[in-house]
N, C-alpha and C. Protein backbone atom coordinates (compact mmCIF):
# COMPACT_ATOMS: atom_id res chain seq x y z
N MET A 1 16.66 -16.63 50.93
CA MET A 1 16.41 -17.48 49.77
C MET A 1 15.09 -17.13 49.12
N SER A 2 14.06 -16.99 49.97
CA SER A 2 12.73 -16.68 49.46
C SER A 2 12.72 -15.34 48.74
N ASN A 3 13.49 -14.37 49.25
CA ASN A 3 13.55 -13.07 48.60
C ASN A 3 14.18 -13.17 47.22
N ASP A 4 15.22 -14.03 47.10
CA ASP A 4 15.87 -14.21 45.81
C ASP A 4 14.91 -14.82 44.80
N VAL A 5 14.09 -15.77 45.26
CA VAL A 5 13.12 -16.42 44.38
C VAL A 5 12.09 -15.42 43.90
N LYS A 6 11.70 -14.52 44.78
CA LYS A 6 10.70 -13.52 44.41
C LYS A 6 11.26 -12.52 43.40
N ARG A 7 12.54 -12.20 43.55
CA ARG A 7 13.15 -11.21 42.68
C ARG A 7 13.44 -11.78 41.29
N GLU A 8 13.67 -13.09 41.21
CA GLU A 8 14.14 -13.70 39.97
C GLU A 8 13.21 -13.43 38.78
N PRO A 9 11.88 -13.60 38.89
CA PRO A 9 11.02 -13.32 37.74
C PRO A 9 11.16 -11.90 37.24
N ASN A 10 11.27 -10.95 38.16
CA ASN A 10 11.41 -9.56 37.76
C ASN A 10 12.70 -9.34 37.00
N LEU A 11 13.78 -9.97 37.46
CA LEU A 11 15.06 -9.85 36.79
C LEU A 11 14.99 -10.46 35.40
N VAL A 12 14.38 -11.65 35.29
CA VAL A 12 14.23 -12.31 34.00
C VAL A 12 13.40 -11.44 33.05
N ASN A 13 12.32 -10.88 33.57
CA ASN A 13 11.47 -10.02 32.74
C ASN A 13 12.23 -8.82 32.22
N ARG A 14 13.04 -8.21 33.08
CA ARG A 14 13.82 -7.05 32.65
C ARG A 14 14.80 -7.43 31.55
N LEU A 15 15.40 -8.59 31.68
CA LEU A 15 16.34 -9.05 30.67
C LEU A 15 15.64 -9.33 29.34
N VAL A 16 14.44 -9.92 29.42
CA VAL A 16 13.67 -10.21 28.20
C VAL A 16 13.25 -8.91 27.53
N VAL A 17 12.78 -7.96 28.32
CA VAL A 17 12.36 -6.66 27.77
C VAL A 17 13.54 -5.96 27.12
N ARG A 18 14.70 -6.03 27.77
CA ARG A 18 15.90 -5.40 27.20
C ARG A 18 16.25 -6.03 25.86
N GLU A 19 16.16 -7.37 25.81
CA GLU A 19 16.48 -8.09 24.57
C GLU A 19 15.48 -7.74 23.46
N LEU A 20 14.19 -7.68 23.82
CA LEU A 20 13.17 -7.34 22.82
C LEU A 20 13.36 -5.91 22.31
N ASN A 21 13.67 -5.00 23.20
CA ASN A 21 13.92 -3.61 22.79
C ASN A 21 15.10 -3.52 21.83
N ALA A 22 16.12 -4.32 22.10
CA ALA A 22 17.29 -4.32 21.22
C ALA A 22 16.92 -4.87 19.84
N GLU A 23 16.10 -5.93 19.82
CA GLU A 23 15.68 -6.52 18.56
C GLU A 23 14.79 -5.56 17.77
N PHE A 24 13.78 -5.00 18.43
CA PHE A 24 12.83 -4.13 17.76
C PHE A 24 13.45 -2.78 17.42
N GLY A 25 14.47 -2.39 18.16
CA GLY A 25 15.11 -1.10 17.93
C GLY A 25 15.74 -1.00 16.56
N GLY A 26 16.19 -2.12 16.02
CA GLY A 26 16.80 -2.11 14.70
C GLY A 26 15.82 -2.39 13.58
N ALA A 27 14.54 -2.51 13.92
CA ALA A 27 13.52 -2.82 12.91
C ALA A 27 12.78 -1.55 12.49
N GLU A 28 12.34 -1.53 11.23
CA GLU A 28 11.54 -0.41 10.73
C GLU A 28 10.07 -0.56 11.07
N GLY A 29 9.67 -1.77 11.45
CA GLY A 29 8.27 -1.98 11.80
C GLY A 29 8.06 -3.37 12.38
N LEU A 30 6.83 -3.63 12.80
CA LEU A 30 6.48 -4.93 13.35
C LEU A 30 4.99 -5.18 13.18
N VAL A 31 4.62 -6.45 13.22
CA VAL A 31 3.22 -6.87 13.13
C VAL A 31 2.91 -7.76 14.32
N VAL A 32 1.85 -7.41 15.06
CA VAL A 32 1.42 -8.20 16.21
C VAL A 32 0.30 -9.14 15.76
N VAL A 33 0.46 -10.43 16.03
CA VAL A 33 -0.54 -11.41 15.59
C VAL A 33 -0.88 -12.38 16.71
N SER A 34 -2.08 -12.99 16.61
CA SER A 34 -2.40 -14.13 17.46
C SER A 34 -1.66 -15.33 16.91
N TRP A 35 -1.33 -16.27 17.77
CA TRP A 35 -0.51 -17.42 17.35
C TRP A 35 -1.05 -18.65 18.07
N ASP A 36 -2.14 -19.20 17.54
CA ASP A 36 -2.91 -20.19 18.30
C ASP A 36 -2.74 -21.61 17.75
N ALA A 37 -2.22 -22.49 18.58
CA ALA A 37 -2.18 -23.93 18.32
C ALA A 37 -1.54 -24.32 17.00
N LEU A 38 -0.48 -23.63 16.61
CA LEU A 38 0.24 -24.02 15.40
C LEU A 38 1.11 -25.24 15.69
N VAL A 39 1.09 -26.20 14.79
CA VAL A 39 1.99 -27.34 14.94
C VAL A 39 3.38 -26.91 14.48
N ALA A 40 4.38 -27.74 14.79
CA ALA A 40 5.76 -27.37 14.51
C ALA A 40 5.98 -27.07 13.02
N LYS A 41 5.37 -27.85 12.15
CA LYS A 41 5.55 -27.65 10.71
C LYS A 41 5.01 -26.30 10.26
N GLU A 42 3.83 -25.92 10.79
CA GLU A 42 3.23 -24.63 10.45
C GLU A 42 4.09 -23.49 10.98
N ASN A 43 4.53 -23.64 12.21
CA ASN A 43 5.38 -22.62 12.84
C ASN A 43 6.64 -22.39 12.03
N GLU A 44 7.33 -23.46 11.73
CA GLU A 44 8.60 -23.36 11.00
C GLU A 44 8.37 -22.83 9.58
N GLY A 45 7.26 -23.24 8.96
CA GLY A 45 6.97 -22.79 7.60
C GLY A 45 6.79 -21.29 7.52
N LEU A 46 6.05 -20.70 8.45
CA LEU A 46 5.83 -19.26 8.46
C LEU A 46 7.12 -18.51 8.79
N ARG A 47 7.88 -19.04 9.74
CA ARG A 47 9.15 -18.40 10.10
C ARG A 47 10.11 -18.40 8.90
N ASP A 48 10.16 -19.52 8.18
CA ASP A 48 11.05 -19.62 7.03
C ASP A 48 10.66 -18.63 5.94
N LYS A 49 9.37 -18.49 5.70
CA LYS A 49 8.90 -17.55 4.67
C LYS A 49 9.23 -16.12 5.05
N LEU A 50 9.07 -15.78 6.32
CA LEU A 50 9.44 -14.44 6.79
C LEU A 50 10.94 -14.21 6.62
N ALA A 51 11.71 -15.23 6.93
CA ALA A 51 13.17 -15.11 6.86
C ALA A 51 13.63 -14.83 5.43
N GLU A 52 12.88 -15.33 4.44
CA GLU A 52 13.24 -15.10 3.04
C GLU A 52 13.26 -13.60 2.70
N LYS A 53 12.46 -12.83 3.43
CA LYS A 53 12.41 -11.37 3.22
C LYS A 53 13.15 -10.62 4.31
N GLY A 54 13.92 -11.34 5.11
CA GLY A 54 14.69 -10.70 6.17
C GLY A 54 13.90 -10.45 7.43
N GLY A 55 12.70 -11.00 7.53
CA GLY A 55 11.87 -10.81 8.70
C GLY A 55 12.14 -11.85 9.78
N LYS A 56 11.82 -11.50 11.01
CA LYS A 56 11.97 -12.41 12.14
C LYS A 56 10.65 -12.49 12.89
N LEU A 57 10.50 -13.52 13.71
CA LEU A 57 9.28 -13.67 14.49
C LEU A 57 9.62 -14.21 15.86
N THR A 58 8.98 -13.66 16.89
CA THR A 58 9.21 -14.13 18.24
C THR A 58 7.89 -14.24 18.99
N LEU A 59 7.75 -15.29 19.78
CA LEU A 59 6.60 -15.42 20.67
C LEU A 59 6.91 -14.65 21.94
N VAL A 60 5.91 -13.94 22.46
CA VAL A 60 6.18 -13.07 23.61
C VAL A 60 4.98 -13.05 24.54
N ARG A 61 5.26 -12.98 25.83
CA ARG A 61 4.19 -12.85 26.81
C ARG A 61 3.50 -11.50 26.63
N ASN A 62 2.19 -11.50 26.79
CA ASN A 62 1.41 -10.28 26.55
C ASN A 62 1.83 -9.13 27.45
N SER A 63 2.10 -9.41 28.71
CA SER A 63 2.49 -8.34 29.63
C SER A 63 3.81 -7.70 29.21
N LEU A 64 4.73 -8.53 28.72
CA LEU A 64 6.03 -8.00 28.29
C LEU A 64 5.90 -7.28 26.95
N ALA A 65 5.05 -7.80 26.08
CA ALA A 65 4.82 -7.13 24.79
C ALA A 65 4.23 -5.74 25.02
N ARG A 66 3.29 -5.67 25.95
CA ARG A 66 2.66 -4.37 26.25
C ARG A 66 3.70 -3.39 26.81
N LEU A 67 4.58 -3.90 27.66
CA LEU A 67 5.60 -3.05 28.26
C LEU A 67 6.58 -2.55 27.20
N VAL A 68 7.02 -3.45 26.33
CA VAL A 68 7.96 -3.06 25.28
C VAL A 68 7.34 -2.03 24.34
N LEU A 69 6.10 -2.26 23.95
CA LEU A 69 5.42 -1.31 23.06
C LEU A 69 5.23 0.04 23.75
N LYS A 70 4.90 0.00 25.04
CA LYS A 70 4.72 1.24 25.79
C LYS A 70 6.02 2.03 25.87
N GLU A 71 7.12 1.32 26.09
CA GLU A 71 8.43 1.99 26.17
C GLU A 71 8.81 2.62 24.83
N ARG A 72 8.24 2.10 23.75
CA ARG A 72 8.50 2.65 22.42
C ARG A 72 7.47 3.69 22.02
N GLY A 73 6.55 4.02 22.98
CA GLY A 73 5.59 5.09 22.75
C GLY A 73 4.26 4.67 22.18
N PHE A 74 3.95 3.36 22.24
CA PHE A 74 2.70 2.87 21.64
C PHE A 74 1.83 2.20 22.70
N GLU A 75 0.63 2.74 22.88
CA GLU A 75 -0.35 2.16 23.79
C GLU A 75 -1.37 1.40 22.96
N VAL A 76 -1.48 0.09 23.18
CA VAL A 76 -2.42 -0.72 22.40
C VAL A 76 -3.65 -1.04 23.24
N GLY A 77 -4.76 -1.31 22.57
CA GLY A 77 -6.01 -1.62 23.25
C GLY A 77 -5.96 -2.97 23.95
N GLU A 78 -6.94 -3.20 24.81
CA GLU A 78 -6.97 -4.42 25.61
C GLU A 78 -7.08 -5.67 24.74
N GLY A 79 -7.81 -5.57 23.62
CA GLY A 79 -8.02 -6.75 22.79
C GLY A 79 -6.86 -7.13 21.92
N VAL A 80 -5.81 -6.31 21.90
CA VAL A 80 -4.67 -6.57 21.02
C VAL A 80 -3.78 -7.67 21.58
N LEU A 81 -3.55 -7.63 22.87
CA LEU A 81 -2.63 -8.58 23.49
C LEU A 81 -3.39 -9.55 24.39
N THR A 82 -3.97 -10.58 23.78
CA THR A 82 -4.69 -11.62 24.51
C THR A 82 -4.32 -12.97 23.91
N GLY A 83 -4.42 -14.02 24.71
CA GLY A 83 -4.07 -15.34 24.21
C GLY A 83 -2.59 -15.43 23.88
N ASN A 84 -2.25 -16.30 22.94
CA ASN A 84 -0.86 -16.44 22.51
C ASN A 84 -0.54 -15.36 21.48
N THR A 85 0.57 -14.67 21.70
CA THR A 85 0.94 -13.54 20.85
C THR A 85 2.33 -13.74 20.26
N ALA A 86 2.43 -13.39 18.97
CA ALA A 86 3.73 -13.39 18.30
C ALA A 86 3.91 -12.04 17.63
N ILE A 87 5.15 -11.64 17.47
CA ILE A 87 5.46 -10.37 16.81
C ILE A 87 6.47 -10.63 15.69
N ALA A 88 6.07 -10.27 14.48
CA ALA A 88 6.97 -10.34 13.33
C ALA A 88 7.57 -8.96 13.14
N TYR A 89 8.86 -8.89 12.83
CA TYR A 89 9.51 -7.57 12.73
C TYR A 89 10.64 -7.61 11.73
N GLY A 90 11.03 -6.41 11.29
CA GLY A 90 12.12 -6.31 10.33
C GLY A 90 12.03 -5.02 9.55
N SER A 91 12.52 -5.03 8.33
CA SER A 91 12.46 -3.85 7.47
C SER A 91 11.02 -3.57 7.07
N ALA A 92 10.78 -2.38 6.49
CA ALA A 92 9.44 -2.04 6.04
C ALA A 92 8.94 -3.06 5.03
N GLU A 93 9.83 -3.46 4.14
CA GLU A 93 9.45 -4.46 3.13
C GLU A 93 9.08 -5.79 3.79
N ALA A 94 9.83 -6.19 4.82
CA ALA A 94 9.54 -7.43 5.53
C ALA A 94 8.20 -7.35 6.26
N VAL A 95 7.88 -6.18 6.80
CA VAL A 95 6.61 -5.99 7.51
C VAL A 95 5.44 -6.08 6.54
N VAL A 96 5.57 -5.45 5.38
CA VAL A 96 4.51 -5.52 4.37
C VAL A 96 4.35 -6.98 3.91
N TYR A 97 5.46 -7.68 3.75
CA TYR A 97 5.39 -9.08 3.34
C TYR A 97 4.71 -9.91 4.43
N ALA A 98 5.01 -9.62 5.69
CA ALA A 98 4.37 -10.34 6.80
C ALA A 98 2.86 -10.17 6.75
N ALA A 99 2.41 -8.95 6.46
CA ALA A 99 0.97 -8.70 6.34
C ALA A 99 0.38 -9.52 5.19
N LYS A 100 1.09 -9.58 4.07
CA LYS A 100 0.64 -10.39 2.94
C LYS A 100 0.57 -11.87 3.32
N LEU A 101 1.58 -12.33 4.03
CA LEU A 101 1.65 -13.74 4.43
C LEU A 101 0.53 -14.09 5.41
N PHE A 102 0.32 -13.24 6.41
CA PHE A 102 -0.67 -13.55 7.44
C PHE A 102 -2.11 -13.39 6.96
N THR A 103 -2.30 -12.70 5.84
CA THR A 103 -3.65 -12.55 5.28
C THR A 103 -3.84 -13.40 4.03
N SER A 104 -2.88 -14.26 3.74
CA SER A 104 -2.99 -15.14 2.58
C SER A 104 -4.13 -16.13 2.78
N ALA A 105 -4.64 -16.67 1.68
CA ALA A 105 -5.78 -17.59 1.74
C ALA A 105 -5.46 -18.82 2.58
N GLU A 106 -4.24 -19.32 2.45
CA GLU A 106 -3.85 -20.52 3.19
C GLU A 106 -3.86 -20.29 4.69
N VAL A 107 -3.28 -19.16 5.12
CA VAL A 107 -3.22 -18.86 6.55
C VAL A 107 -4.61 -18.52 7.10
N LYS A 108 -5.38 -17.79 6.31
CA LYS A 108 -6.75 -17.47 6.74
C LYS A 108 -7.59 -18.73 6.94
N LYS A 109 -7.42 -19.67 6.01
CA LYS A 109 -8.19 -20.91 6.08
C LYS A 109 -7.89 -21.68 7.35
N ALA A 110 -6.62 -21.71 7.74
CA ALA A 110 -6.23 -22.41 8.97
C ALA A 110 -6.81 -21.73 10.21
N GLY A 111 -6.94 -20.40 10.16
CA GLY A 111 -7.57 -19.66 11.24
C GLY A 111 -6.78 -19.60 12.53
N LYS A 112 -5.47 -19.83 12.45
CA LYS A 112 -4.65 -19.85 13.66
C LYS A 112 -3.85 -18.57 13.88
N VAL A 113 -3.72 -17.78 12.83
CA VAL A 113 -2.95 -16.54 12.91
C VAL A 113 -3.82 -15.39 12.44
N LYS A 114 -3.98 -14.38 13.28
CA LYS A 114 -4.77 -13.21 12.92
C LYS A 114 -4.01 -11.94 13.29
N ILE A 115 -4.01 -10.99 12.38
CA ILE A 115 -3.32 -9.72 12.64
C ILE A 115 -4.12 -8.89 13.63
N ARG A 116 -3.43 -8.37 14.64
CA ARG A 116 -4.09 -7.54 15.65
C ARG A 116 -3.68 -6.08 15.57
N ALA A 117 -2.45 -5.84 15.19
CA ALA A 117 -1.95 -4.46 15.12
C ALA A 117 -0.61 -4.47 14.41
N ALA A 118 -0.10 -3.29 14.11
CA ALA A 118 1.23 -3.18 13.51
C ALA A 118 1.80 -1.82 13.83
N VAL A 119 3.10 -1.72 13.69
CA VAL A 119 3.81 -0.44 13.80
C VAL A 119 4.70 -0.34 12.57
N LEU A 120 4.59 0.77 11.86
CA LEU A 120 5.43 0.96 10.69
C LEU A 120 5.82 2.42 10.57
N GLU A 121 7.13 2.67 10.52
CA GLU A 121 7.69 4.01 10.41
C GLU A 121 7.09 4.98 11.43
N GLY A 122 7.05 4.51 12.67
CA GLY A 122 6.61 5.37 13.77
C GLY A 122 5.12 5.52 13.93
N ARG A 123 4.32 4.75 13.18
CA ARG A 123 2.87 4.86 13.28
C ARG A 123 2.28 3.55 13.79
N LEU A 124 1.35 3.65 14.75
CA LEU A 124 0.63 2.49 15.26
C LEU A 124 -0.60 2.29 14.40
N LEU A 125 -0.77 1.08 13.86
CA LEU A 125 -1.91 0.76 13.00
C LEU A 125 -2.81 -0.24 13.71
N ASP A 126 -4.12 -0.04 13.62
CA ASP A 126 -5.04 -1.00 14.21
C ASP A 126 -5.11 -2.24 13.32
N ALA A 127 -5.96 -3.21 13.71
CA ALA A 127 -6.01 -4.49 13.00
C ALA A 127 -6.37 -4.31 11.52
N ASN A 128 -7.35 -3.45 11.24
CA ASN A 128 -7.78 -3.25 9.85
C ASN A 128 -6.69 -2.62 9.00
N ASP A 129 -6.05 -1.57 9.52
CA ASP A 129 -5.00 -0.90 8.75
C ASP A 129 -3.75 -1.77 8.64
N ALA A 130 -3.49 -2.56 9.69
CA ALA A 130 -2.34 -3.46 9.64
C ALA A 130 -2.55 -4.51 8.55
N ALA A 131 -3.77 -5.06 8.49
CA ALA A 131 -4.08 -6.05 7.45
C ALA A 131 -4.03 -5.41 6.07
N ALA A 132 -4.37 -4.12 5.98
CA ALA A 132 -4.37 -3.42 4.69
C ALA A 132 -2.96 -3.23 4.15
N LEU A 133 -1.95 -3.42 4.97
CA LEU A 133 -0.57 -3.35 4.48
C LEU A 133 -0.33 -4.40 3.39
N ALA A 134 -1.14 -5.45 3.43
CA ALA A 134 -1.00 -6.50 2.42
C ALA A 134 -1.31 -5.97 1.02
N ASP A 135 -2.03 -4.85 0.93
CA ASP A 135 -2.39 -4.27 -0.37
C ASP A 135 -1.34 -3.29 -0.88
N VAL A 136 -0.35 -2.98 -0.03
CA VAL A 136 0.70 -2.05 -0.47
C VAL A 136 1.62 -2.78 -1.45
N PRO A 137 1.91 -2.18 -2.60
CA PRO A 137 2.80 -2.84 -3.58
C PRO A 137 4.17 -3.10 -2.99
N ASP A 138 4.81 -4.18 -3.44
CA ASP A 138 6.17 -4.42 -2.98
C ASP A 138 7.11 -3.39 -3.59
N LYS A 139 8.36 -3.39 -3.14
CA LYS A 139 9.31 -2.33 -3.51
C LYS A 139 9.50 -2.24 -5.03
N LYS A 140 9.68 -3.39 -5.68
CA LYS A 140 9.93 -3.39 -7.11
C LYS A 140 8.73 -2.88 -7.89
N THR A 141 7.53 -3.33 -7.48
CA THR A 141 6.31 -2.89 -8.15
C THR A 141 6.12 -1.40 -7.97
N LEU A 142 6.35 -0.92 -6.74
CA LEU A 142 6.18 0.50 -6.45
C LEU A 142 7.16 1.34 -7.26
N GLN A 143 8.41 0.89 -7.35
CA GLN A 143 9.41 1.64 -8.13
C GLN A 143 9.01 1.70 -9.60
N GLY A 144 8.52 0.57 -10.13
CA GLY A 144 8.10 0.54 -11.52
C GLY A 144 6.96 1.50 -11.78
N ARG A 145 6.01 1.52 -10.89
CA ARG A 145 4.87 2.42 -11.06
C ARG A 145 5.28 3.88 -10.93
N LEU A 146 6.23 4.12 -10.01
CA LEU A 146 6.67 5.49 -9.81
C LEU A 146 7.41 6.04 -11.02
N VAL A 147 8.18 5.18 -11.68
CA VAL A 147 8.88 5.62 -12.89
C VAL A 147 7.86 6.11 -13.91
N GLY A 148 6.76 5.35 -14.04
CA GLY A 148 5.71 5.76 -14.96
C GLY A 148 5.03 7.04 -14.52
N CYS A 149 4.84 7.17 -13.20
CA CYS A 149 4.19 8.38 -12.68
C CYS A 149 5.06 9.61 -12.90
N ILE A 150 6.39 9.44 -12.70
CA ILE A 150 7.31 10.56 -12.85
C ILE A 150 7.37 10.99 -14.31
N ALA A 151 7.37 10.01 -15.23
CA ALA A 151 7.43 10.32 -16.65
C ALA A 151 6.11 10.86 -17.17
N GLY A 152 5.01 10.46 -16.54
CA GLY A 152 3.69 10.87 -17.00
C GLY A 152 3.13 12.01 -16.19
N PRO A 153 1.83 12.26 -16.32
CA PRO A 153 1.18 13.35 -15.59
C PRO A 153 1.17 13.10 -14.09
N SER A 154 1.11 14.19 -13.34
CA SER A 154 1.20 14.09 -11.88
C SER A 154 0.02 13.32 -11.29
N ARG A 155 -1.10 13.27 -12.01
CA ARG A 155 -2.25 12.57 -11.47
C ARG A 155 -1.97 11.07 -11.32
N GLY A 156 -0.91 10.57 -12.02
CA GLY A 156 -0.56 9.16 -11.89
C GLY A 156 -0.18 8.81 -10.47
N LEU A 157 0.57 9.69 -9.82
CA LEU A 157 0.97 9.45 -8.43
C LEU A 157 -0.24 9.50 -7.51
N VAL A 158 -1.15 10.41 -7.79
CA VAL A 158 -2.37 10.50 -6.99
C VAL A 158 -3.16 9.21 -7.10
N SER A 159 -3.25 8.69 -8.32
CA SER A 159 -3.97 7.44 -8.54
C SER A 159 -3.33 6.30 -7.80
N LEU A 160 -1.99 6.25 -7.81
CA LEU A 160 -1.26 5.20 -7.09
C LEU A 160 -1.53 5.28 -5.60
N VAL A 161 -1.48 6.47 -5.06
CA VAL A 161 -1.71 6.66 -3.62
C VAL A 161 -3.14 6.28 -3.24
N ASN A 162 -4.09 6.54 -4.13
CA ASN A 162 -5.49 6.25 -3.84
C ASN A 162 -5.80 4.76 -3.83
N GLN A 163 -4.85 3.92 -4.20
CA GLN A 163 -5.07 2.49 -4.22
C GLN A 163 -4.96 1.87 -2.83
N VAL A 164 -4.47 2.63 -1.87
CA VAL A 164 -4.33 2.09 -0.51
C VAL A 164 -5.25 2.87 0.43
N PRO A 165 -5.57 2.31 1.61
CA PRO A 165 -6.44 2.99 2.56
C PRO A 165 -5.91 4.37 2.93
N SER A 166 -6.83 5.28 3.25
CA SER A 166 -6.45 6.67 3.50
C SER A 166 -5.48 6.80 4.66
N SER A 167 -5.58 5.92 5.65
CA SER A 167 -4.68 6.02 6.80
C SER A 167 -3.24 5.66 6.45
N LEU A 168 -3.04 5.04 5.28
CA LEU A 168 -1.69 4.67 4.86
C LEU A 168 -1.16 5.58 3.76
N VAL A 169 -1.95 6.58 3.36
CA VAL A 169 -1.56 7.45 2.26
C VAL A 169 -0.26 8.17 2.56
N ARG A 170 -0.13 8.73 3.76
CA ARG A 170 1.07 9.50 4.08
C ARG A 170 2.32 8.62 4.07
N LEU A 171 2.16 7.39 4.53
CA LEU A 171 3.27 6.45 4.53
C LEU A 171 3.74 6.18 3.10
N LEU A 172 2.80 5.90 2.21
CA LEU A 172 3.15 5.61 0.82
C LEU A 172 3.69 6.85 0.12
N GLN A 173 3.12 8.01 0.43
CA GLN A 173 3.60 9.26 -0.16
C GLN A 173 5.06 9.51 0.23
N ALA A 174 5.39 9.26 1.49
CA ALA A 174 6.76 9.49 1.95
C ALA A 174 7.72 8.59 1.20
N ARG A 175 7.35 7.33 1.01
CA ARG A 175 8.21 6.40 0.28
C ARG A 175 8.30 6.80 -1.19
N ALA A 176 7.19 7.27 -1.73
CA ALA A 176 7.18 7.69 -3.13
C ALA A 176 8.09 8.89 -3.34
N GLU A 177 8.05 9.83 -2.41
CA GLU A 177 8.87 11.02 -2.54
C GLU A 177 10.36 10.68 -2.47
N GLN A 178 10.69 9.71 -1.60
CA GLN A 178 12.10 9.29 -1.50
C GLN A 178 12.58 8.71 -2.82
N LEU A 179 11.75 7.86 -3.40
CA LEU A 179 12.12 7.25 -4.68
C LEU A 179 12.13 8.27 -5.81
N GLU A 180 11.20 9.21 -5.75
CA GLU A 180 11.11 10.22 -6.79
C GLU A 180 12.34 11.12 -6.78
N LYS A 181 12.84 11.42 -5.58
CA LYS A 181 14.02 12.28 -5.47
C LYS A 181 15.26 11.59 -6.02
N SER A 182 15.35 10.29 -5.79
CA SER A 182 16.54 9.56 -6.25
C SER A 182 16.50 9.31 -7.75
N GLN A 183 15.30 9.24 -8.33
CA GLN A 183 15.17 8.93 -9.75
C GLN A 183 15.74 10.02 -10.66
N PRO A 184 15.38 11.32 -10.48
CA PRO A 184 15.95 12.36 -11.34
C PRO A 184 17.46 12.48 -11.22
N ALA A 185 17.98 12.25 -10.00
CA ALA A 185 19.42 12.35 -9.79
C ALA A 185 20.15 11.29 -10.61
N ALA A 186 19.60 10.09 -10.62
CA ALA A 186 20.21 9.00 -11.39
C ALA A 186 20.10 9.28 -12.88
N ALA A 187 18.95 9.82 -13.30
CA ALA A 187 18.74 10.11 -14.71
C ALA A 187 19.66 11.23 -15.18
N ALA A 188 19.90 12.21 -14.34
CA ALA A 188 20.75 13.34 -14.70
C ALA A 188 22.21 12.92 -14.82
N ALA A 189 22.60 11.93 -14.03
CA ALA A 189 23.99 11.49 -14.03
C ALA A 189 24.33 10.70 -15.29
N GLN A 190 23.34 10.01 -15.86
CA GLN A 190 23.59 9.16 -17.02
C GLN A 190 24.00 9.94 -18.26
N PRO A 191 23.26 11.01 -18.67
CA PRO A 191 23.67 11.74 -19.87
C PRO A 191 25.05 12.38 -19.74
N ALA A 192 25.37 12.85 -18.54
CA ALA A 192 26.66 13.50 -18.33
C ALA A 192 27.80 12.51 -18.53
N ALA A 193 27.57 11.27 -18.08
CA ALA A 193 28.63 10.27 -18.22
C ALA A 193 28.71 9.76 -19.65
N ALA A 194 27.57 9.77 -20.36
CA ALA A 194 27.54 9.19 -21.69
C ALA A 194 27.95 10.19 -22.77
N ASP A 195 27.97 11.50 -22.48
CA ASP A 195 28.23 12.55 -23.47
C ASP A 195 29.71 12.84 -23.53
N PRO A 196 30.44 12.38 -24.58
CA PRO A 196 31.89 12.61 -24.65
C PRO A 196 32.25 14.06 -24.82
N SER A 197 31.35 14.86 -25.39
CA SER A 197 31.65 16.29 -25.62
C SER A 197 31.80 17.02 -24.31
N ALA A 198 31.09 16.50 -23.28
CA ALA A 198 31.17 17.16 -21.97
C ALA A 198 32.58 17.03 -21.42
N ALA A 199 33.19 15.86 -21.63
CA ALA A 199 34.56 15.67 -21.13
C ALA A 199 35.56 16.48 -21.93
N GLN A 200 35.34 16.58 -23.28
CA GLN A 200 36.27 17.33 -24.13
C GLN A 200 36.21 18.81 -23.81
N ALA A 201 34.98 19.28 -23.53
CA ALA A 201 34.82 20.71 -23.25
C ALA A 201 35.62 21.08 -22.02
N GLY A 202 35.74 20.13 -21.06
CA GLY A 202 36.51 20.44 -19.85
C GLY A 202 37.96 20.53 -20.20
């Protein structure tokens, strides 16, 4: 009996780690935050706002969070996983929104939630770079700016990239290139469909 009792926590931990890996495996990124003394209303309010962007949030034991992150190839510093810890996760857009939410004036004023680290598109970000995700334009804004950059001089894209911290430049460039590639293809398809002479010539 005593042996079974001793084994049970290990079994539970393995099941929790497996569940967390399954959850995080389908996410494009995550944000690790402190989660100190939030009342139920505050807790639910932040969760609901994250859910609006497709994001999720889970409270997790530090030892298990460290293990899950390690299994995913990320070693975090000692100060990252201390006290009460929560992890917000989801699409890249949801992660950027989480950073905006956790660094908002209202949340900062309460002082109960602080960003400690983040993972986005395979990169581990420290607290400063994770918080800087809040400065990354949302998808619609970025697409709008890119259309202008594509139509205008190439320095426009350089200027856009320079608006975010240097450690995030490659991330933004990769997203910009994806959007840039899809934009000409869509533009090229429109004239062909709209030109009746093209169909007659065939």
